[in-house]
């Protein structure tokens, strides 16, 4: 799920860069592939994993994740970036730590409203959208680069899960809670993931972005999902094994489509 969420978030940025370069067909390819990763692969994996529970369970799950990021992960990343001289990253990690604390508090208030009927669900936060131009990494330490990668994967997964939780909230008659999930999801993607992507140099230009996507899709098609399928088969999880095999096939087709797009740019 984390890999699919990361692909969705990355491909959205790659699509925006392709548009800036005047390559609408490449942009459309990235967007359509991103939708498959999120709306098919990740959602099916979430169903198999039982990711979505009651509204209260979903809130508790999010509170635990936001608390860890607020109190532990981002504070540690900020301290390490400061030690390594990556002061811009340290500042960003500290800002995100504070945001995650606010998210936790909003989810706690929403949990009280859902479970006791007292109080109200807080209004959703508004994302301060960060533009992500093509460019090299803006950090120097390997540790900071690794922490940025960990953080981006976490933000992408949070965005995807919160969108799924929002859909569940709407289906169960909780529109205010759905709006809270949706607003928070946008902060995780448009602000946090994007800010980290700038520092990580995630976007490099259409040719490099396509090459990166091809390598990732081929790895998933030939290594990751076949291994997952074998493990699931060995323990009798036939539905999961079938999902992993089907997804491997999809990823192979994505890699081929990206390769054709890259060949046309050569």
C-alpha atoms as a PDB file:
ATOM      1  CA  UNK A   1       0.000   0.000   0.000  1.00  0.00           C
ATOM      2  CA  UNK A   2       2.802   2.402   0.830  1.00  0.00           C
ATOM      3  CA  UNK A   3       4.464   1.781  -2.522  1.00  0.00           C
ATOM      4  CA  UNK A   4       1.230   2.329  -4.427  1.00  0.00           C
ATOM      5  CA  UNK A   5       0.501   5.531  -2.494  1.00  0.00           C
ATOM      6  CA  UNK A   6       4.017   6.811  -3.175  1.00  0.00           C
ATOM      7  CA  UNK A   7       3.652   6.060  -6.891  1.00  0.00           C
ATOM      8  CA  UNK A   8       0.349   7.951  -6.967  1.00  0.00           C
ATOM      9  CA  UNK A   9       1.856  11.008  -5.264  1.00  0.00           C
ATOM     10  CA  UNK A  10       5.032  10.963  -7.361  1.00  0.00           C
ATOM     11  CA  UNK A  11       3.224  10.513 -10.670  1.00  0.00           C
ATOM     12  CA  UNK A  12       1.051  13.507  -9.890  1.00  0.00           C
ATOM     13  CA  UNK A  13       4.177  15.652  -9.601  1.00  0.00           C
ATOM     14  CA  UNK A  14       5.683  14.073 -12.722  1.00  0.00           C
ATOM     15  CA  UNK A  15       2.482  14.883 -14.619  1.00  0.00           C
ATOM     16  CA  UNK A  16       2.663  18.522 -13.545  1.00  0.00           C
ATOM     17  CA  UNK A  17       6.258  18.748 -14.741  1.00  0.00           C
ATOM     18  CA  UNK A  18       5.383  17.134 -18.080  1.00  0.00           C
ATOM     19  CA  UNK A  19       2.690  19.786 -18.552  1.00  0.00           C
ATOM     20  CA  UNK A  20       5.245  22.502 -17.813  1.00  0.00           C
ATOM     21  CA  UNK A  21       7.497  20.999 -20.476  1.00  0.00           C
ATOM     22  CA  UNK A  22       4.678  21.032 -23.041  1.00  0.00           C
ATOM     23  CA  UNK A  23       4.229  17.253 -23.072  1.00  0.00           C
ATOM     24  CA  UNK A  24       0.481  16.716 -22.548  1.00  0.00           C
ATOM     25  CA  UNK A  25       0.528  13.053 -23.630  1.00  0.00           C
ATOM     26  CA  UNK A  26       3.173  12.234 -21.018  1.00  0.00           C
ATOM     27  CA  UNK A  27       1.204  14.173 -18.419  1.00  0.00           C
ATOM     28  CA  UNK A  28      -1.946  12.203 -19.250  1.00  0.00           C
ATOM     29  CA  UNK A  29      -0.038   8.919 -19.001  1.00  0.00           C
ATOM     30  CA  UNK A  30       1.295   9.794 -15.557  1.00  0.00           C
ATOM     31  CA  UNK A  31      -2.150  10.914 -14.372  1.00  0.00           C
ATOM     32  CA  UNK A  32      -3.958   7.835 -15.637  1.00  0.00           C
ATOM     33  CA  UNK A  33      -1.352   5.516 -14.129  1.00  0.00           C
ATOM     34  CA  UNK A  34      -1.546   7.395 -10.844  1.00  0.00           C
ATOM     35  CA  UNK A  35      -5.310   6.845 -10.745  1.00  0.00           C
ATOM     36  CA  UNK A  36      -4.820   3.114 -11.259  1.00  0.00           C
ATOM     37  CA  UNK A  37      -2.299   2.939  -8.426  1.00  0.00           C
ATOM     38  CA  UNK A  38      -4.646   4.719  -6.020  1.00  0.00           C
ATOM     39  CA  UNK A  39      -8.151   3.733  -7.061  1.00  0.00           C
ATOM     40  CA  UNK A  40      -7.478   0.117  -8.004  1.00  0.00           C
ATOM     41  CA  UNK A  41      -4.282  -1.260  -6.482  1.00  0.00           C
ATOM     42  CA  UNK A  42      -4.222   0.581  -3.178  1.00  0.00           C
ATOM     43  CA  UNK A  43      -7.949   0.343  -2.542  1.00  0.00           C
ATOM     44  CA  UNK A  44      -8.006  -3.379  -3.258  1.00  0.00           C
ATOM     45  CA  UNK A  45      -4.994  -3.919  -1.000  1.00  0.00           C
ATOM     46  CA  UNK A  46      -6.712  -1.891   1.733  1.00  0.00           C
ATOM     47  CA  UNK A  47      -9.781  -4.097   1.419  1.00  0.00           C
ATOM     48  CA  UNK A  48      -7.735  -7.277   1.734  1.00  0.00           C
ATOM     49  CA  UNK A  49      -5.824  -5.858   4.695  1.00  0.00           C
ATOM     50  CA  UNK A  50      -8.944  -4.663   6.510  1.00  0.00           C
ATOM     51  CA  UNK A  51      -7.541  -1.130   6.691  1.00  0.00           C
ATOM     52  CA  UNK A  52     -10.916   0.571   7.015  1.00  0.00           C
ATOM     53  CA  UNK A  53     -12.862   0.070  10.223  1.00  0.00           C
ATOM     54  CA  UNK A  54     -15.548   2.091  11.939  1.00  0.00           C
ATOM     55  CA  UNK A  55     -15.230   5.859  11.963  1.00  0.00           C
ATOM     56  CA  UNK A  56     -13.976   5.661  15.539  1.00  0.00           C
ATOM     57  CA  UNK A  57     -11.429   2.964  14.668  1.00  0.00           C
ATOM     58  CA  UNK A  58     -10.193   4.960  11.702  1.00  0.00           C
ATOM     59  CA  UNK A  59      -9.740   8.018  13.886  1.00  0.00           C
ATOM     60  CA  UNK A  60      -7.833   6.033  16.520  1.00  0.00           C
ATOM     61  CA  UNK A  61      -5.572   4.624  13.817  1.00  0.00           C
ATOM     62  CA  UNK A  62      -4.860   8.129  12.514  1.00  0.00           C
ATOM     63  CA  UNK A  63      -4.310   9.534  16.021  1.00  0.00           C
ATOM     64  CA  UNK A  64      -1.652   6.891  16.664  1.00  0.00           C
ATOM     65  CA  UNK A  65       0.108   7.688  13.394  1.00  0.00           C
ATOM     66  CA  UNK A  66      -0.027  11.449  13.826  1.00  0.00           C
ATOM     67  CA  UNK A  67       1.186  11.175  17.433  1.00  0.00           C
ATOM     68  CA  UNK A  68       4.221   9.146  16.375  1.00  0.00           C
ATOM     69  CA  UNK A  69       5.076  11.594  13.598  1.00  0.00           C
ATOM     70  CA  UNK A  70       4.556  14.600  15.882  1.00  0.00           C
ATOM     71  CA  UNK A  71       6.373  13.350  18.960  1.00  0.00           C
ATOM     72  CA  UNK A  72       9.022  11.021  17.551  1.00  0.00           C
ATOM     73  CA  UNK A  73       9.682  10.763  13.826  1.00  0.00           C
ATOM     74  CA  UNK A  74       9.756  14.341  12.605  1.00  0.00           C
ATOM     75  CA  UNK A  75      11.473  15.648  15.722  1.00  0.00           C
ATOM     76  CA  UNK A  76      14.217  13.055  15.280  1.00  0.00           C
ATOM     77  CA  UNK A  77      14.515  13.870  11.589  1.00  0.00           C
ATOM     78  CA  UNK A  78      14.801  17.588  12.409  1.00  0.00           C
ATOM     79  CA  UNK A  79      17.512  16.973  15.006  1.00  0.00           C
ATOM     80  CA  UNK A  80      19.476  14.779  12.611  1.00  0.00           C
ATOM     81  CA  UNK A  81      19.181  17.252   9.736  1.00  0.00           C
ATOM     82  CA  UNK A  82      20.402  20.029  12.016  1.00  0.00           C
ATOM     83  CA  UNK A  83      23.366  17.910  13.082  1.00  0.00           C
ATOM     84  CA  UNK A  84      24.199  17.225   9.424  1.00  0.00           C
ATOM     85  CA  UNK A  85      23.957  20.868   8.396  1.00  0.00           C
ATOM     86  CA  UNK A  86      20.751  20.486   6.367  1.00  0.00           C
ATOM     87  CA  UNK A  87      19.069  23.443   8.014  1.00  0.00           C
ATOM     88  CA  UNK A  88      16.293  23.880   5.453  1.00  0.00           C
ATOM     89  CA  UNK A  89      15.274  20.260   5.950  1.00  0.00           C
ATOM     90  CA  UNK A  90      15.458  20.676   9.728  1.00  0.00           C
ATOM     91  CA  UNK A  91      13.083  23.618   9.513  1.00  0.00           C
ATOM     92  CA  UNK A  92      10.658  21.746   7.284  1.00  0.00           C
ATOM     93  CA  UNK A  93      10.669  18.660   9.517  1.00  0.00           C
ATOM     94  CA  UNK A  94       9.969  20.858  12.550  1.00  0.00           C
ATOM     95  CA  UNK A  95       7.086  22.590  10.771  1.00  0.00           C
ATOM     96  CA  UNK A  96       5.556  19.285   9.742  1.00  0.00           C
ATOM     97  CA  UNK A  97       5.937  17.925  13.279  1.00  0.00           C
ATOM     98  CA  UNK A  98       3.843  20.842  14.519  1.00  0.00           C
ATOM     99  CA  UNK A  99       1.246  20.251  11.787  1.00  0.00           C
ATOM    100  CA  UNK A 100       0.949  16.589  12.718  1.00  0.00           C
ATOM    101  CA  UNK A 101       0.302  17.601  16.311  1.00  0.00           C
ATOM    102  CA  UNK A 102      -2.562  19.787  15.142  1.00  0.00           C
ATOM    103  CA  UNK A 103      -3.908  16.935  13.036  1.00  0.00           C
ATOM    104  CA  UNK A 104      -3.798  14.633  16.050  1.00  0.00           C
ATOM    105  CA  UNK A 105      -5.689  17.150  18.175  1.00  0.00           C
ATOM    106  CA  UNK A 106      -8.349  17.611  15.489  1.00  0.00           C
ATOM    107  CA  UNK A 107      -8.798  13.858  15.186  1.00  0.00           C
ATOM    108  CA  UNK A 108      -9.085  13.558  18.971  1.00  0.00           C
ATOM    109  CA  UNK A 109     -11.865  16.154  18.974  1.00  0.00           C
ATOM    110  CA  UNK A 110     -13.562  14.341  16.104  1.00  0.00           C
ATOM    111  CA  UNK A 111     -13.307  11.050  17.990  1.00  0.00           C
ATOM    112  CA  UNK A 112     -15.046  12.570  20.985  1.00  0.00           C
ATOM    113  CA  UNK A 113     -17.823  13.891  18.746  1.00  0.00           C
ATOM    114  CA  UNK A 114     -18.238  10.511  17.056  1.00  0.00           C
ATOM    115  CA  UNK A 115     -18.177   8.396  20.200  1.00  0.00           C
ATOM    116  CA  UNK A 116     -19.999  10.609  22.706  1.00  0.00           C
ATOM    117  CA  UNK A 117     -22.088  12.940  20.599  1.00  0.00           C
ATOM    118  CA  UNK A 118     -20.514  15.852  22.463  1.00  0.00           C
ATOM    119  CA  UNK A 119     -18.675  18.685  20.773  1.00  0.00           C
ATOM    120  CA  UNK A 120     -18.248  19.070  17.046  1.00  0.00           C
ATOM    121  CA  UNK A 121     -15.947  17.747  14.370  1.00  0.00           C
ATOM    122  CA  UNK A 122     -13.313  20.450  13.678  1.00  0.00           C
ATOM    123  CA  UNK A 123     -13.235  22.290  10.389  1.00  0.00           C
ATOM    124  CA  UNK A 124     -10.752  20.830   7.904  1.00  0.00           C
ATOM    125  CA  UNK A 125      -7.301  22.374   7.557  1.00  0.00           C
ATOM    126  CA  UNK A 126      -6.410  24.183   4.345  1.00  0.00           C
ATOM    127  CA  UNK A 127      -3.276  23.058   2.518  1.00  0.00           C
ATOM    128  CA  UNK A 128      -0.610  25.642   1.726  1.00  0.00           C
ATOM    129  CA  UNK A 129       0.144  24.131  -1.678  1.00  0.00           C
ATOM    130  CA  UNK A 130       3.827  23.819  -2.549  1.00  0.00           C
ATOM    131  CA  UNK A 131       4.914  23.893  -6.191  1.00  0.00           C
ATOM    132  CA  UNK A 132       7.522  21.271  -7.058  1.00  0.00           C
ATOM    133  CA  UNK A 133       9.770  22.331  -9.945  1.00  0.00           C
ATOM    134  CA  UNK A 134      12.335  20.026 -11.498  1.00  0.00           C
ATOM    135  CA  UNK A 135      15.690  20.273  -9.800  1.00  0.00           C
ATOM    136  CA  UNK A 136      18.443  18.476  -7.909  1.00  0.00           C
ATOM    137  CA  UNK A 137      18.296  17.595  -4.198  1.00  0.00           C
ATOM    138  CA  UNK A 138      18.669  20.536  -1.839  1.00  0.00           C
ATOM    139  CA  UNK A 139      20.180  18.500   0.988  1.00  0.00           C
ATOM    140  CA  UNK A 140      23.699  17.149   1.318  1.00  0.00           C
ATOM    141  CA  UNK A 141      23.639  14.377   3.927  1.00  0.00           C
ATOM    142  CA  UNK A 142      22.745  10.803   3.037  1.00  0.00           C
ATOM    143  CA  UNK A 143      20.858  10.531   6.315  1.00  0.00           C
ATOM    144  CA  UNK A 144      18.679  13.509   5.440  1.00  0.00           C
ATOM    145  CA  UNK A 145      17.952  12.058   2.000  1.00  0.00           C
ATOM    146  CA  UNK A 146      16.953   8.749   3.580  1.00  0.00           C
ATOM    147  CA  UNK A 147      14.731  10.532   6.107  1.00  0.00           C
ATOM    148  CA  UNK A 148      13.066  12.522   3.331  1.00  0.00           C
ATOM    149  CA  UNK A 149      12.337   9.275   1.487  1.00  0.00           C
ATOM    150  CA  UNK A 150      10.821   7.729   4.625  1.00  0.00           C
ATOM    151  CA  UNK A 151       8.777  10.848   5.261  1.00  0.00           C
ATOM    152  CA  UNK A 152       7.452  11.066   1.696  1.00  0.00           C
ATOM    153  CA  UNK A 153       6.326   7.451   1.759  1.00  0.00           C
ATOM    154  CA  UNK A 154       4.535   8.086   5.060  1.00  0.00           C
ATOM    155  CA  UNK A 155       2.834  11.257   3.839  1.00  0.00           C
ATOM    156  CA  UNK A 156       1.714   9.565   0.626  1.00  0.00           C
ATOM    157  CA  UNK A 157       0.191   6.668   2.554  1.00  0.00           C
ATOM    158  CA  UNK A 158      -1.535   9.008   5.002  1.00  0.00           C
ATOM    159  CA  UNK A 159      -3.049  10.937   2.090  1.00  0.00           C
ATOM    160  CA  UNK A 160      -4.360   7.759   0.484  1.00  0.00           C
ATOM    161  CA  UNK A 161      -5.745   6.274   3.696  1.00  0.00           C
ATOM    162  CA  UNK A 162      -7.448   9.508   4.707  1.00  0.00           C
ATOM    163  CA  UNK A 163      -9.195   9.665   1.346  1.00  0.00           C
ATOM    164  CA  UNK A 164     -10.484   6.127   1.887  1.00  0.00           C
ATOM    165  CA  UNK A 165     -11.566   7.036   5.430  1.00  0.00           C
ATOM    166  CA  UNK A 166     -13.359  10.093   4.020  1.00  0.00           C
ATOM    167  CA  UNK A 167     -15.348   7.926   1.635  1.00  0.00           C
ATOM    168  CA  UNK A 168     -16.344   5.665   4.520  1.00  0.00           C
ATOM    169  CA  UNK A 169     -17.385   8.665   6.626  1.00  0.00           C
ATOM    170  CA  UNK A 170     -19.650   9.930   3.825  1.00  0.00           C
ATOM    171  CA  UNK A 171     -21.162   6.505   3.327  1.00  0.00           C
ATOM    172  CA  UNK A 172     -22.016   6.357   7.038  1.00  0.00           C
ATOM    173  CA  UNK A 173     -23.614   9.798   7.208  1.00  0.00           C
ATOM    174  CA  UNK A 174     -20.676  11.782   8.616  1.00  0.00           C
ATOM    175  CA  UNK A 175     -20.091  14.600   6.085  1.00  0.00           C
ATOM    176  CA  UNK A 176     -18.233  16.853   8.553  1.00  0.00           C
ATOM    177  CA  UNK A 177     -15.839  14.033   9.376  1.00  0.00           C
ATOM    178  CA  UNK A 178     -15.388  13.328   5.664  1.00  0.00           C
ATOM    179  CA  UNK A 179     -14.417  16.962   5.116  1.00  0.00           C
ATOM    180  CA  UNK A 180     -11.875  16.748   7.960  1.00  0.00           C
ATOM    181  CA  UNK A 181     -10.314  13.642   6.397  1.00  0.00           C
ATOM    182  CA  UNK A 182     -10.236  15.252   2.961  1.00  0.00           C
ATOM    183  CA  UNK A 183      -8.684  18.501   4.140  1.00  0.00           C
ATOM    184  CA  UNK A 184      -6.032  16.701   6.138  1.00  0.00           C
ATOM    185  CA  UNK A 185      -5.286  14.417   3.195  1.00  0.00           C
ATOM    186  CA  UNK A 186      -4.639  17.458   1.021  1.00  0.00           C
ATOM    187  CA  UNK A 187      -2.200  18.889   3.579  1.00  0.00           C
ATOM    188  CA  UNK A 188      -0.311  15.608   3.652  1.00  0.00           C
ATOM    189  CA  UNK A 189       0.000  15.558  -0.157  1.00  0.00           C
ATOM    190  CA  UNK A 190       0.029  19.162  -1.410  1.00  0.00           C
ATOM    191  CA  UNK A 191       2.028  20.631   1.451  1.00  0.00           C
ATOM    192  CA  UNK A 192       4.037  17.978   3.312  1.00  0.00           C
ATOM    193  CA  UNK A 193       4.838  15.507   0.526  1.00  0.00           C
ATOM    194  CA  UNK A 194       5.417  18.343  -1.941  1.00  0.00           C
ATOM    195  CA  UNK A 195       7.705  20.273   0.421  1.00  0.00           C
ATOM    196  CA  UNK A 196       9.761  17.156   1.033  1.00  0.00           C
ATOM    197  CA  UNK A 197       9.847  16.405  -2.695  1.00  0.00           C
ATOM    198  CA  UNK A 198      11.406  19.805  -3.378  1.00  0.00           C
ATOM    199  CA  UNK A 199      14.239  19.140  -0.937  1.00  0.00           C
ATOM    200  CA  UNK A 200      14.679  15.555  -2.173  1.00  0.00           C
ATOM    201  CA  UNK A 201      14.883  16.609  -5.828  1.00  0.00           C
ATOM    202  CA  UNK A 202      12.163  14.098  -6.664  1.00  0.00           C
ATOM    203  CA  UNK A 203      11.185  15.752  -9.965  1.00  0.00           C
ATOM    204  CA  UNK A 204      13.949  15.981 -12.557  1.00  0.00           C
ATOM    205  CA  UNK A 205      12.246  16.452 -15.935  1.00  0.00           C
ATOM    206  CA  UNK A 206      10.136  14.215 -18.152  1.00  0.00           C
ATOM    207  CA  UNK A 207      12.888  11.918 -19.445  1.00  0.00           C
ATOM    208  CA  UNK A 208      14.386  11.317 -16.010  1.00  0.00           C
ATOM    209  CA  UNK A 209      10.950  10.989 -14.427  1.00  0.00           C
ATOM    210  CA  UNK A 210       9.920   8.387 -16.999  1.00  0.00           C
ATOM    211  CA  UNK A 211      13.164   6.472 -16.468  1.00  0.00           C
ATOM    212  CA  UNK A 212      12.565   6.461 -12.717  1.00  0.00           C
ATOM    213  CA  UNK A 213       8.992   5.279 -13.191  1.00  0.00           C
ATOM    214  CA  UNK A 214      10.080   2.504 -15.562  1.00  0.00           C
ATOM    215  CA  UNK A 215      12.632   1.200 -13.070  1.00  0.00           C
ATOM    216  CA  UNK A 216      10.108   1.238 -10.240  1.00  0.00           C
ATOM    217  CA  UNK A 217       7.334  -0.447 -12.206  1.00  0.00           C
ATOM    218  CA  UNK A 218       9.674  -3.141 -13.528  1.00  0.00           C
ATOM    219  CA  UNK A 219      10.943  -3.867 -10.028  1.00  0.00           C
ATOM    220  CA  UNK A 220       7.402  -4.260  -8.757  1.00  0.00           C
ATOM    221  CA  UNK A 221       6.407  -6.400 -11.754  1.00  0.00           C
ATOM    222  CA  UNK A 222       9.375  -8.771 -11.608  1.00  0.00           C
ATOM    223  CA  UNK A 223      10.437  -8.816  -7.956  1.00  0.00           C
ATOM    224  CA  UNK A 224       8.113  -7.278  -5.391  1.00  0.00           C
ATOM    225  CA  UNK A 225       4.702  -8.588  -6.401  1.00  0.00           C
ATOM    226  CA  UNK A 226       5.845 -12.041  -7.558  1.00  0.00           C
ATOM    227  CA  UNK A 227       7.553 -12.535  -4.181  1.00  0.00           C
ATOM    228  CA  UNK A 228       4.433 -11.338  -2.373  1.00  0.00           C
ATOM    229  CA  UNK A 229       2.321 -13.744  -4.433  1.00  0.00           C
ATOM    230  CA  UNK A 230       4.586 -16.663  -3.563  1.00  0.00           C
ATOM    231  CA  UNK A 231       4.419 -15.858   0.140  1.00  0.00           C
ATOM    232  CA  UNK A 232       0.640 -15.477   0.063  1.00  0.00           C
ATOM    233  CA  UNK A 233       0.254 -18.769  -1.804  1.00  0.00           C
ATOM    234  CA  UNK A 234       2.490 -20.563   0.681  1.00  0.00           C
ATOM    235  CA  UNK A 235       0.214 -19.629   3.589  1.00  0.00           C
ATOM    236  CA  UNK A 236      -3.064 -20.136   1.756  1.00  0.00           C
ATOM    237  CA  UNK A 237      -4.025 -16.491   1.225  1.00  0.00           C
ATOM    238  CA  UNK A 238      -5.386 -17.158  -2.233  1.00  0.00           C
ATOM    239  CA  UNK A 239      -7.201 -13.845  -2.670  1.00  0.00           C
ATOM    240  CA  UNK A 240      -4.076 -11.909  -1.796  1.00  0.00           C
ATOM    241  CA  UNK A 241      -1.949 -14.103  -4.069  1.00  0.00           C
ATOM    242  CA  UNK A 242      -4.327 -13.439  -6.959  1.00  0.00           C
ATOM    243  CA  UNK A 243      -4.229  -9.691  -6.242  1.00  0.00           C
ATOM    244  CA  UNK A 244      -0.423  -9.676  -6.187  1.00  0.00           C
ATOM    245  CA  UNK A 245      -0.209 -11.614  -9.464  1.00  0.00           C
ATOM    246  CA  UNK A 246      -2.756  -9.345 -11.169  1.00  0.00           C
ATOM    247  CA  UNK A 247      -0.989  -6.245  -9.910  1.00  0.00           C
ATOM    248  CA  UNK A 248       2.363  -7.526 -11.166  1.00  0.00           C
ATOM    249  CA  UNK A 249       0.806  -7.758 -14.616  1.00  0.00           C
ATOM    250  CA  UNK A 250      -0.535  -4.220 -14.353  1.00  0.00           C
ATOM    251  CA  UNK A 251       2.856  -2.891 -13.313  1.00  0.00           C
ATOM    252  CA  UNK A 252       4.513  -4.621 -16.281  1.00  0.00           C
ATOM    253  CA  UNK A 253       2.035  -2.882 -18.588  1.00  0.00           C
ATOM    254  CA  UNK A 254       2.729   0.449 -16.875  1.00  0.00           C
ATOM    255  CA  UNK A 255       6.472  -0.029 -17.387  1.00  0.00           C
ATOM    256  CA  UNK A 256       5.909  -0.792 -21.070  1.00  0.00           C
ATOM    257  CA  UNK A 257       3.720   2.288 -21.531  1.00  0.00           C
ATOM    258  CA  UNK A 258       6.293   4.507 -19.833  1.00  0.00           C
ATOM    259  CA  UNK A 259       9.037   2.977 -22.006  1.00  0.00           C
ATOM    260  CA  UNK A 260       7.094   3.768 -25.170  1.00  0.00           C
ATOM    261  CA  UNK A 261       6.622   7.353 -23.989  1.00  0.00           C
ATOM    262  CA  UNK A 262      10.329   7.657 -23.247  1.00  0.00           C
ATOM    263  CA  UNK A 263      11.252   6.215 -26.640  1.00  0.00           C
ATOM    264  CA  UNK A 264       9.097   8.856 -28.357  1.00  0.00           C
ATOM    265  CA  UNK A 265      11.052  11.584 -26.534  1.00  0.00           C
ATOM    266  CA  UNK A 266      14.455  10.189 -27.531  1.00  0.00           C
END
